[in-house]
Amino acid sequence: MKGIKMKIDILKKAERFDVNIDSFDYLNNNISLYVLYAPIIGNIAVQIYEYLIVVYKIKIEANFCKTNIKQLINRFNLDLEQFAKNLSLLESAGLIKTYQTGDENNPKLIFVVQKILNFNDFMAKNELKNALKNSLTPNEFNELRYIFNKHLSNVVD
């Protein structure tokens, strides 16, 4: 809970944010995002993740983007604590990294969107695999190998 409080303090002080993306080669991996990550982090966190990608694309393609923290939080109809919890979920799942730049009087947050792992890489990370296993029924967890069969291998890799 200490991490959430510190994140809330930073969010209160920061007026602006920026978004960067590690690489574009994995941004359309929605199958893994919704089937593997969503049961762990929830739908709001998934929406925040996807919205950060949109913000980045607007920034790059239109060379313009509003990056106000309060507007970002309000977009999801969350309070500061709820937003901070969702950021922590995204960070713990390895989907974003958050950095603070600027000084004490004018802090700015930078969200770096991380790679969505494919099925094999996701299952190789015990922390993620166990969190998913705890979020699903045993039947649902066992069905994942059928969802990620060879017919989908080109889509999820």
N, C-alpha and C. Protein backbone atom coordinates (compact mmCIF):
# COMPACT_ATOMS: atom_id res chain seq x y z
N MET A 1 0.83 -1.20 0.00
CA MET A 1 0.00 0.00 0.00
C MET A 1 0.86 1.26 0.00
N LYS A 2 2.09 1.15 0.50
CA LYS A 2 2.98 2.29 0.50
C LYS A 2 3.25 2.79 -0.91
N GLY A 3 3.39 1.87 -1.88
CA GLY A 3 3.63 2.23 -3.26
C GLY A 3 2.47 3.02 -3.85
N ILE A 4 1.25 2.66 -3.49
CA ILE A 4 0.06 3.38 -3.97
C ILE A 4 0.06 4.80 -3.43
N LYS A 5 0.38 4.96 -2.14
CA LYS A 5 0.39 6.30 -1.53
C LYS A 5 1.43 7.19 -2.20
N MET A 6 2.60 6.62 -2.46
CA MET A 6 3.65 7.40 -3.12
C MET A 6 3.20 7.77 -4.54
N LYS A 7 2.55 6.85 -5.24
CA LYS A 7 2.07 7.12 -6.60
C LYS A 7 0.99 8.21 -6.57
N ILE A 8 0.11 8.18 -5.57
CA ILE A 8 -0.92 9.21 -5.43
C ILE A 8 -0.27 10.57 -5.22
N ASP A 9 0.76 10.62 -4.38
CA ASP A 9 1.46 11.88 -4.14
C ASP A 9 2.07 12.43 -5.43
N ILE A 10 2.66 11.55 -6.22
CA ILE A 10 3.26 11.99 -7.48
C ILE A 10 2.17 12.46 -8.45
N LEU A 11 1.07 11.71 -8.52
CA LEU A 11 -0.03 12.09 -9.41
C LEU A 11 -0.63 13.44 -9.03
N LYS A 12 -0.69 13.71 -7.73
CA LYS A 12 -1.22 15.01 -7.28
C LYS A 12 -0.34 16.16 -7.74
N LYS A 13 0.97 15.95 -7.72
CA LYS A 13 1.91 17.00 -8.07
C LYS A 13 2.10 17.16 -9.58
N ALA A 14 2.06 16.05 -10.29
CA ALA A 14 2.35 16.10 -11.73
C ALA A 14 1.14 16.64 -12.49
N GLU A 15 1.39 17.57 -13.34
CA GLU A 15 0.32 18.13 -14.15
C GLU A 15 0.29 17.51 -15.54
N ARG A 16 1.46 17.11 -16.03
CA ARG A 16 1.56 16.60 -17.38
C ARG A 16 2.17 15.20 -17.39
N PHE A 17 1.98 14.53 -18.52
CA PHE A 17 2.62 13.23 -18.71
C PHE A 17 3.03 13.09 -20.16
N ASP A 18 3.84 12.10 -20.42
CA ASP A 18 4.25 11.76 -21.77
C ASP A 18 4.19 10.25 -21.90
N VAL A 19 4.09 9.77 -23.12
CA VAL A 19 4.02 8.33 -23.37
C VAL A 19 5.08 7.97 -24.40
N ASN A 20 5.80 6.90 -24.12
CA ASN A 20 6.73 6.33 -25.09
C ASN A 20 6.42 4.85 -25.22
N ILE A 21 6.83 4.27 -26.32
CA ILE A 21 6.58 2.86 -26.55
C ILE A 21 7.89 2.19 -26.87
N ASP A 22 8.09 1.06 -26.23
CA ASP A 22 9.31 0.28 -26.39
C ASP A 22 9.52 -0.14 -27.84
N SER A 23 8.48 -0.62 -28.50
CA SER A 23 8.56 -1.09 -29.88
C SER A 23 7.14 -1.24 -30.42
N PHE A 24 6.97 -1.06 -31.71
CA PHE A 24 5.63 -1.17 -32.31
C PHE A 24 5.27 -2.60 -32.70
N ASP A 25 6.19 -3.52 -32.67
CA ASP A 25 5.94 -4.84 -33.25
C ASP A 25 4.97 -5.71 -32.47
N TYR A 26 4.47 -5.26 -31.36
CA TYR A 26 3.58 -6.08 -30.55
C TYR A 26 2.28 -5.38 -30.18
N LEU A 27 2.02 -4.24 -30.71
CA LEU A 27 0.89 -3.44 -30.25
C LEU A 27 -0.47 -4.03 -30.60
N ASN A 28 -0.55 -4.90 -31.57
CA ASN A 28 -1.84 -5.46 -31.96
C ASN A 28 -2.08 -6.85 -31.39
N ASN A 29 -1.44 -7.18 -30.30
CA ASN A 29 -1.57 -8.49 -29.69
C ASN A 29 -2.73 -8.50 -28.69
N ASN A 30 -3.93 -8.19 -29.17
CA ASN A 30 -5.09 -8.09 -28.28
C ASN A 30 -5.52 -9.43 -27.69
N ILE A 31 -5.22 -10.52 -28.37
CA ILE A 31 -5.60 -11.83 -27.83
C ILE A 31 -4.92 -12.04 -26.49
N SER A 32 -3.61 -11.87 -26.45
CA SER A 32 -2.89 -12.03 -25.19
C SER A 32 -3.33 -11.01 -24.15
N LEU A 33 -3.53 -9.78 -24.60
CA LEU A 33 -3.93 -8.72 -23.68
C LEU A 33 -5.23 -9.09 -22.96
N TYR A 34 -6.22 -9.54 -23.72
CA TYR A 34 -7.53 -9.82 -23.13
C TYR A 34 -7.64 -11.20 -22.48
N VAL A 35 -6.93 -12.19 -23.01
CA VAL A 35 -7.07 -13.54 -22.46
C VAL A 35 -6.10 -13.81 -21.33
N LEU A 36 -4.89 -13.26 -21.41
CA LEU A 36 -3.88 -13.52 -20.39
C LEU A 36 -3.80 -12.43 -19.33
N TYR A 37 -3.78 -11.19 -19.76
CA TYR A 37 -3.57 -10.08 -18.82
C TYR A 37 -4.85 -9.60 -18.14
N ALA A 38 -5.93 -9.46 -18.89
CA ALA A 38 -7.16 -8.88 -18.34
C ALA A 38 -7.67 -9.61 -17.09
N PRO A 39 -7.64 -10.94 -17.03
CA PRO A 39 -8.11 -11.58 -15.79
C PRO A 39 -7.28 -11.19 -14.56
N ILE A 40 -6.05 -10.78 -14.76
CA ILE A 40 -5.16 -10.40 -13.66
C ILE A 40 -5.33 -8.94 -13.28
N ILE A 41 -5.33 -8.07 -14.30
CA ILE A 41 -5.30 -6.63 -14.02
C ILE A 41 -6.66 -5.96 -14.11
N GLY A 42 -7.62 -6.58 -14.78
CA GLY A 42 -8.95 -6.00 -14.90
C GLY A 42 -9.11 -5.15 -16.14
N ASN A 43 -10.36 -4.90 -16.48
CA ASN A 43 -10.69 -4.20 -17.72
C ASN A 43 -10.29 -2.73 -17.71
N ILE A 44 -10.39 -2.07 -16.57
CA ILE A 44 -10.01 -0.64 -16.52
C ILE A 44 -8.53 -0.47 -16.82
N ALA A 45 -7.70 -1.32 -16.23
CA ALA A 45 -6.26 -1.24 -16.48
C ALA A 45 -5.96 -1.52 -17.96
N VAL A 46 -6.67 -2.47 -18.56
CA VAL A 46 -6.50 -2.76 -19.98
C VAL A 46 -6.87 -1.51 -20.80
N GLN A 47 -7.96 -0.85 -20.44
CA GLN A 47 -8.37 0.36 -21.16
C GLN A 47 -7.33 1.46 -21.02
N ILE A 48 -6.76 1.62 -19.84
CA ILE A 48 -5.71 2.63 -19.64
C ILE A 48 -4.51 2.30 -20.52
N TYR A 49 -4.11 1.05 -20.54
CA TYR A 49 -2.99 0.60 -21.38
C TYR A 49 -3.25 0.95 -22.85
N GLU A 50 -4.42 0.58 -23.34
CA GLU A 50 -4.75 0.85 -24.74
C GLU A 50 -4.83 2.35 -25.02
N TYR A 51 -5.33 3.11 -24.07
CA TYR A 51 -5.43 4.56 -24.27
C TYR A 51 -4.04 5.20 -24.32
N LEU A 52 -3.11 4.72 -23.53
CA LEU A 52 -1.75 5.24 -23.58
C LEU A 52 -1.14 5.00 -24.96
N ILE A 53 -1.46 3.88 -25.58
CA ILE A 53 -0.99 3.62 -26.94
C ILE A 53 -1.60 4.62 -27.91
N VAL A 54 -2.88 4.92 -27.73
CA VAL A 54 -3.55 5.91 -28.58
C VAL A 54 -2.89 7.28 -28.41
N VAL A 55 -2.62 7.67 -27.18
CA VAL A 55 -1.96 8.95 -26.92
C VAL A 55 -0.62 9.01 -27.64
N TYR A 56 0.12 7.92 -27.57
CA TYR A 56 1.42 7.88 -28.24
C TYR A 56 1.27 8.02 -29.75
N LYS A 57 0.32 7.28 -30.32
CA LYS A 57 0.12 7.34 -31.77
C LYS A 57 -0.28 8.75 -32.22
N ILE A 58 -1.13 9.40 -31.44
CA ILE A 58 -1.52 10.78 -31.76
C ILE A 58 -0.30 11.69 -31.68
N LYS A 59 0.49 11.51 -30.64
CA LYS A 59 1.70 12.33 -30.46
C LYS A 59 2.63 12.18 -31.66
N ILE A 60 2.81 10.97 -32.15
CA ILE A 60 3.73 10.72 -33.26
C ILE A 60 3.13 11.14 -34.59
N GLU A 61 1.89 10.75 -34.85
CA GLU A 61 1.30 10.99 -36.16
C GLU A 61 0.80 12.41 -36.35
N ALA A 62 0.24 13.00 -35.30
CA ALA A 62 -0.31 14.36 -35.43
C ALA A 62 0.64 15.41 -34.85
N ASN A 63 1.68 14.94 -34.18
CA ASN A 63 2.63 15.84 -33.53
C ASN A 63 1.94 16.79 -32.56
N PHE A 64 0.88 16.29 -31.94
CA PHE A 64 0.11 17.08 -30.98
C PHE A 64 -0.61 16.11 -30.04
N CYS A 65 -0.61 16.42 -28.79
CA CYS A 65 -1.38 15.59 -27.88
C CYS A 65 -1.51 16.29 -26.54
N LYS A 66 -2.73 16.30 -26.01
CA LYS A 66 -2.95 16.83 -24.67
C LYS A 66 -2.49 15.78 -23.68
N THR A 67 -1.65 16.20 -22.77
CA THR A 67 -1.10 15.24 -21.82
C THR A 67 -1.27 15.75 -20.39
N ASN A 68 -2.50 15.99 -20.02
CA ASN A 68 -2.82 16.48 -18.69
C ASN A 68 -3.23 15.29 -17.82
N ILE A 69 -2.57 15.14 -16.69
CA ILE A 69 -2.84 14.01 -15.79
C ILE A 69 -4.29 13.99 -15.33
N LYS A 70 -4.81 15.13 -14.93
CA LYS A 70 -6.20 15.17 -14.43
C LYS A 70 -7.18 14.75 -15.52
N GLN A 71 -6.96 15.19 -16.75
CA GLN A 71 -7.83 14.79 -17.85
C GLN A 71 -7.72 13.29 -18.12
N LEU A 72 -6.51 12.76 -17.99
CA LEU A 72 -6.31 11.32 -18.17
C LEU A 72 -7.09 10.53 -17.12
N ILE A 73 -7.01 10.95 -15.89
CA ILE A 73 -7.71 10.26 -14.80
C ILE A 73 -9.22 10.39 -14.98
N ASN A 74 -9.68 11.58 -15.32
CA ASN A 74 -11.12 11.82 -15.51
C ASN A 74 -11.69 11.03 -16.69
N ARG A 75 -10.88 10.79 -17.70
CA ARG A 75 -11.32 10.03 -18.88
C ARG A 75 -11.86 8.66 -18.47
N PHE A 76 -11.31 8.11 -17.40
CA PHE A 76 -11.72 6.77 -16.95
C PHE A 76 -12.67 6.84 -15.75
N ASN A 77 -13.10 8.05 -15.41
CA ASN A 77 -14.05 8.24 -14.32
C ASN A 77 -13.57 7.59 -13.02
N LEU A 78 -12.28 7.81 -12.72
CA LEU A 78 -11.67 7.24 -11.52
C LEU A 78 -11.23 8.36 -10.60
N ASP A 79 -11.11 8.02 -9.32
CA ASP A 79 -10.47 8.97 -8.42
C ASP A 79 -8.97 8.68 -8.44
N LEU A 80 -8.21 9.51 -7.75
CA LEU A 80 -6.76 9.41 -7.77
C LEU A 80 -6.27 8.05 -7.27
N GLU A 81 -6.86 7.55 -6.21
CA GLU A 81 -6.43 6.27 -5.65
C GLU A 81 -6.73 5.11 -6.60
N GLN A 82 -7.91 5.13 -7.22
CA GLN A 82 -8.26 4.08 -8.18
C GLN A 82 -7.31 4.09 -9.38
N PHE A 83 -7.01 5.29 -9.86
CA PHE A 83 -6.09 5.40 -11.00
C PHE A 83 -4.71 4.88 -10.62
N ALA A 84 -4.23 5.26 -9.44
CA ALA A 84 -2.92 4.81 -8.97
C ALA A 84 -2.88 3.28 -8.84
N LYS A 85 -3.96 2.69 -8.36
CA LYS A 85 -4.02 1.23 -8.23
C LYS A 85 -3.94 0.57 -9.60
N ASN A 86 -4.63 1.13 -10.60
CA ASN A 86 -4.59 0.58 -11.94
C ASN A 86 -3.20 0.73 -12.56
N LEU A 87 -2.53 1.85 -12.31
CA LEU A 87 -1.15 2.00 -12.79
C LEU A 87 -0.26 0.94 -12.15
N SER A 88 -0.45 0.69 -10.86
CA SER A 88 0.35 -0.32 -10.17
C SER A 88 0.09 -1.71 -10.73
N LEU A 89 -1.16 -1.99 -11.08
CA LEU A 89 -1.47 -3.28 -11.71
C LEU A 89 -0.76 -3.43 -13.05
N LEU A 90 -0.79 -2.37 -13.85
CA LEU A 90 -0.11 -2.40 -15.15
C LEU A 90 1.40 -2.59 -14.97
N GLU A 91 1.96 -1.91 -13.98
CA GLU A 91 3.39 -2.04 -13.72
C GLU A 91 3.74 -3.44 -13.23
N SER A 92 2.94 -3.98 -12.32
CA SER A 92 3.24 -5.30 -11.78
C SER A 92 3.11 -6.40 -12.84
N ALA A 93 2.26 -6.18 -13.85
CA ALA A 93 2.12 -7.14 -14.94
C ALA A 93 3.17 -6.90 -16.03
N GLY A 94 3.99 -5.88 -15.87
CA GLY A 94 5.04 -5.59 -16.84
C GLY A 94 4.56 -4.91 -18.10
N LEU A 95 3.38 -4.30 -18.05
CA LEU A 95 2.82 -3.65 -19.25
C LEU A 95 3.21 -2.19 -19.40
N ILE A 96 3.56 -1.54 -18.31
CA ILE A 96 4.09 -0.17 -18.39
C ILE A 96 5.20 0.00 -17.37
N LYS A 97 6.03 0.98 -17.62
CA LYS A 97 6.99 1.47 -16.64
C LYS A 97 6.69 2.95 -16.49
N THR A 98 6.74 3.44 -15.26
CA THR A 98 6.45 4.84 -15.01
C THR A 98 7.69 5.52 -14.44
N TYR A 99 8.03 6.66 -15.01
CA TYR A 99 9.17 7.43 -14.56
C TYR A 99 8.71 8.85 -14.25
N GLN A 100 9.41 9.48 -13.33
CA GLN A 100 9.13 10.88 -13.01
C GLN A 100 10.31 11.72 -13.45
N THR A 101 10.02 12.80 -14.18
CA THR A 101 11.06 13.73 -14.59
C THR A 101 10.68 15.12 -14.07
N GLY A 102 11.51 16.07 -14.34
CA GLY A 102 11.24 17.43 -13.88
C GLY A 102 11.70 17.59 -12.46
N ASP A 103 11.37 18.75 -11.91
CA ASP A 103 11.78 19.00 -10.53
C ASP A 103 10.57 18.90 -9.59
N GLU A 104 10.81 19.17 -8.33
CA GLU A 104 9.78 19.08 -7.29
C GLU A 104 8.57 19.96 -7.60
N ASN A 105 8.81 21.14 -8.16
CA ASN A 105 7.73 22.09 -8.44
C ASN A 105 7.01 21.82 -9.76
N ASN A 106 7.64 21.11 -10.66
CA ASN A 106 7.04 20.87 -11.97
C ASN A 106 7.32 19.44 -12.43
N PRO A 107 6.83 18.45 -11.68
CA PRO A 107 7.09 17.06 -12.08
C PRO A 107 6.27 16.66 -13.30
N LYS A 108 6.80 15.74 -14.05
CA LYS A 108 6.12 15.20 -15.22
C LYS A 108 6.31 13.68 -15.18
N LEU A 109 5.27 12.95 -15.52
CA LEU A 109 5.35 11.50 -15.55
C LEU A 109 5.58 11.03 -16.98
N ILE A 110 6.35 10.00 -17.12
CA ILE A 110 6.55 9.36 -18.42
C ILE A 110 6.12 7.91 -18.27
N PHE A 111 5.15 7.52 -19.09
CA PHE A 111 4.69 6.14 -19.13
C PHE A 111 5.34 5.48 -20.35
N VAL A 112 6.05 4.41 -20.13
CA VAL A 112 6.66 3.67 -21.23
C VAL A 112 5.88 2.36 -21.37
N VAL A 113 5.16 2.25 -22.48
CA VAL A 113 4.35 1.06 -22.75
C VAL A 113 5.30 -0.09 -23.10
N GLN A 114 5.09 -1.22 -22.44
CA GLN A 114 5.95 -2.38 -22.63
C GLN A 114 5.28 -3.45 -23.49
N LYS A 115 6.07 -4.38 -23.90
CA LYS A 115 5.63 -5.47 -24.78
C LYS A 115 4.59 -6.36 -24.10
N ILE A 116 3.55 -6.69 -24.85
CA ILE A 116 2.59 -7.71 -24.44
C ILE A 116 3.23 -9.05 -24.77
N LEU A 117 3.38 -9.89 -23.78
CA LEU A 117 4.03 -11.18 -24.02
C LEU A 117 3.12 -12.15 -24.73
N ASN A 118 3.69 -12.99 -25.57
CA ASN A 118 2.92 -14.06 -26.19
C ASN A 118 2.68 -15.15 -25.14
N PHE A 119 1.91 -16.13 -25.48
CA PHE A 119 1.51 -17.18 -24.53
C PHE A 119 2.71 -17.86 -23.88
N ASN A 120 3.67 -18.31 -24.67
CA ASN A 120 4.82 -19.04 -24.12
C ASN A 120 5.66 -18.17 -23.19
N ASP A 121 5.92 -16.94 -23.59
CA ASP A 121 6.72 -16.04 -22.74
C ASP A 121 5.96 -15.67 -21.47
N PHE A 122 4.65 -15.49 -21.58
CA PHE A 122 3.82 -15.18 -20.42
C PHE A 122 3.88 -16.34 -19.43
N MET A 123 3.67 -17.56 -19.93
CA MET A 123 3.65 -18.74 -19.05
C MET A 123 5.03 -19.05 -18.46
N ALA A 124 6.09 -18.57 -19.10
CA ALA A 124 7.43 -18.78 -18.57
C ALA A 124 7.72 -17.89 -17.36
N LYS A 125 6.93 -16.85 -17.18
CA LYS A 125 7.08 -15.96 -16.02
C LYS A 125 6.16 -16.47 -14.92
N ASN A 126 6.74 -17.11 -13.93
CA ASN A 126 5.96 -17.76 -12.87
C ASN A 126 5.00 -16.82 -12.16
N GLU A 127 5.43 -15.60 -11.92
CA GLU A 127 4.56 -14.64 -11.22
C GLU A 127 3.28 -14.37 -12.02
N LEU A 128 3.44 -14.16 -13.32
CA LEU A 128 2.27 -13.92 -14.17
C LEU A 128 1.42 -15.18 -14.30
N LYS A 129 2.07 -16.31 -14.55
CA LYS A 129 1.34 -17.56 -14.70
C LYS A 129 0.53 -17.88 -13.44
N ASN A 130 1.14 -17.71 -12.27
CA ASN A 130 0.43 -18.00 -11.02
C ASN A 130 -0.71 -17.03 -10.77
N ALA A 131 -0.50 -15.77 -11.11
CA ALA A 131 -1.57 -14.78 -10.94
C ALA A 131 -2.74 -15.13 -11.86
N LEU A 132 -2.45 -15.55 -13.08
CA LEU A 132 -3.51 -15.94 -14.00
C LEU A 132 -4.22 -17.20 -13.50
N LYS A 133 -3.45 -18.14 -13.04
CA LYS A 133 -4.02 -19.40 -12.53
C LYS A 133 -4.96 -19.12 -11.36
N ASN A 134 -4.60 -18.17 -10.51
CA ASN A 134 -5.45 -17.80 -9.37
C ASN A 134 -6.68 -17.00 -9.77
N SER A 135 -6.64 -16.39 -10.96
CA SER A 135 -7.75 -15.57 -11.44
C SER A 135 -8.80 -16.37 -12.21
N LEU A 136 -8.44 -17.57 -12.63
CA LEU A 136 -9.32 -18.39 -13.45
C LEU A 136 -9.68 -19.68 -12.72
N THR A 137 -10.74 -20.31 -13.18
CA THR A 137 -11.05 -21.65 -12.67
C THR A 137 -10.03 -22.62 -13.28
N PRO A 138 -9.84 -23.77 -12.67
CA PRO A 138 -8.90 -24.74 -13.26
C PRO A 138 -9.25 -25.10 -14.71
N ASN A 139 -10.54 -25.23 -15.00
CA ASN A 139 -10.97 -25.52 -16.37
C ASN A 139 -10.58 -24.41 -17.33
N GLU A 140 -10.84 -23.16 -16.94
CA GLU A 140 -10.50 -22.02 -17.79
C GLU A 140 -8.99 -21.96 -18.04
N PHE A 141 -8.22 -22.20 -16.99
CA PHE A 141 -6.77 -22.16 -17.13
C PHE A 141 -6.28 -23.25 -18.09
N ASN A 142 -6.83 -24.45 -17.96
CA ASN A 142 -6.44 -25.55 -18.84
C ASN A 142 -6.86 -25.33 -20.28
N GLU A 143 -7.93 -24.58 -20.51
CA GLU A 143 -8.41 -24.30 -21.86
C GLU A 143 -7.49 -23.34 -22.63
N LEU A 144 -6.62 -22.66 -21.92
CA LEU A 144 -5.75 -21.68 -22.59
C LEU A 144 -4.88 -22.32 -23.68
N ARG A 145 -4.42 -23.54 -23.46
CA ARG A 145 -3.58 -24.17 -24.48
C ARG A 145 -4.35 -24.37 -25.79
N TYR A 146 -5.67 -24.54 -25.70
CA TYR A 146 -6.48 -24.67 -26.91
C TYR A 146 -6.70 -23.32 -27.58
N ILE A 147 -6.81 -22.29 -26.78
CA ILE A 147 -6.97 -20.94 -27.34
C ILE A 147 -5.71 -20.54 -28.10
N PHE A 148 -4.56 -20.89 -27.56
CA PHE A 148 -3.28 -20.51 -28.16
C PHE A 148 -2.68 -21.68 -28.94
N ASN A 149 -3.47 -22.26 -29.82
CA ASN A 149 -2.97 -23.37 -30.62
C ASN A 149 -2.29 -22.87 -31.88
N LYS A 150 -1.87 -23.76 -32.74
CA LYS A 150 -1.12 -23.38 -33.94
C LYS A 150 -1.90 -22.49 -34.88
N HIS A 151 -3.22 -22.55 -34.86
CA HIS A 151 -4.01 -21.68 -35.73
C HIS A 151 -3.84 -20.22 -35.38
N LEU A 152 -3.52 -19.95 -34.12
CA LEU A 152 -3.35 -18.57 -33.69
C LEU A 152 -1.89 -18.19 -33.53
N SER A 153 -0.97 -19.09 -33.79
CA SER A 153 0.43 -18.83 -33.49
C SER A 153 0.97 -17.60 -34.22
N ASN A 154 0.53 -17.37 -35.44
CA ASN A 154 1.00 -16.17 -36.15
C ASN A 154 0.43 -14.90 -35.55
N VAL A 155 -0.74 -14.98 -34.96
CA VAL A 155 -1.37 -13.81 -34.38
C VAL A 155 -0.74 -13.46 -33.04
N VAL A 156 -0.42 -14.45 -32.23
CA VAL A 156 0.03 -14.18 -30.86
C VAL A 156 1.53 -14.09 -30.71
N ASP A 157 2.30 -14.48 -31.70
CA ASP A 157 3.76 -14.39 -31.54
C ASP A 157 4.31 -13.07 -31.97
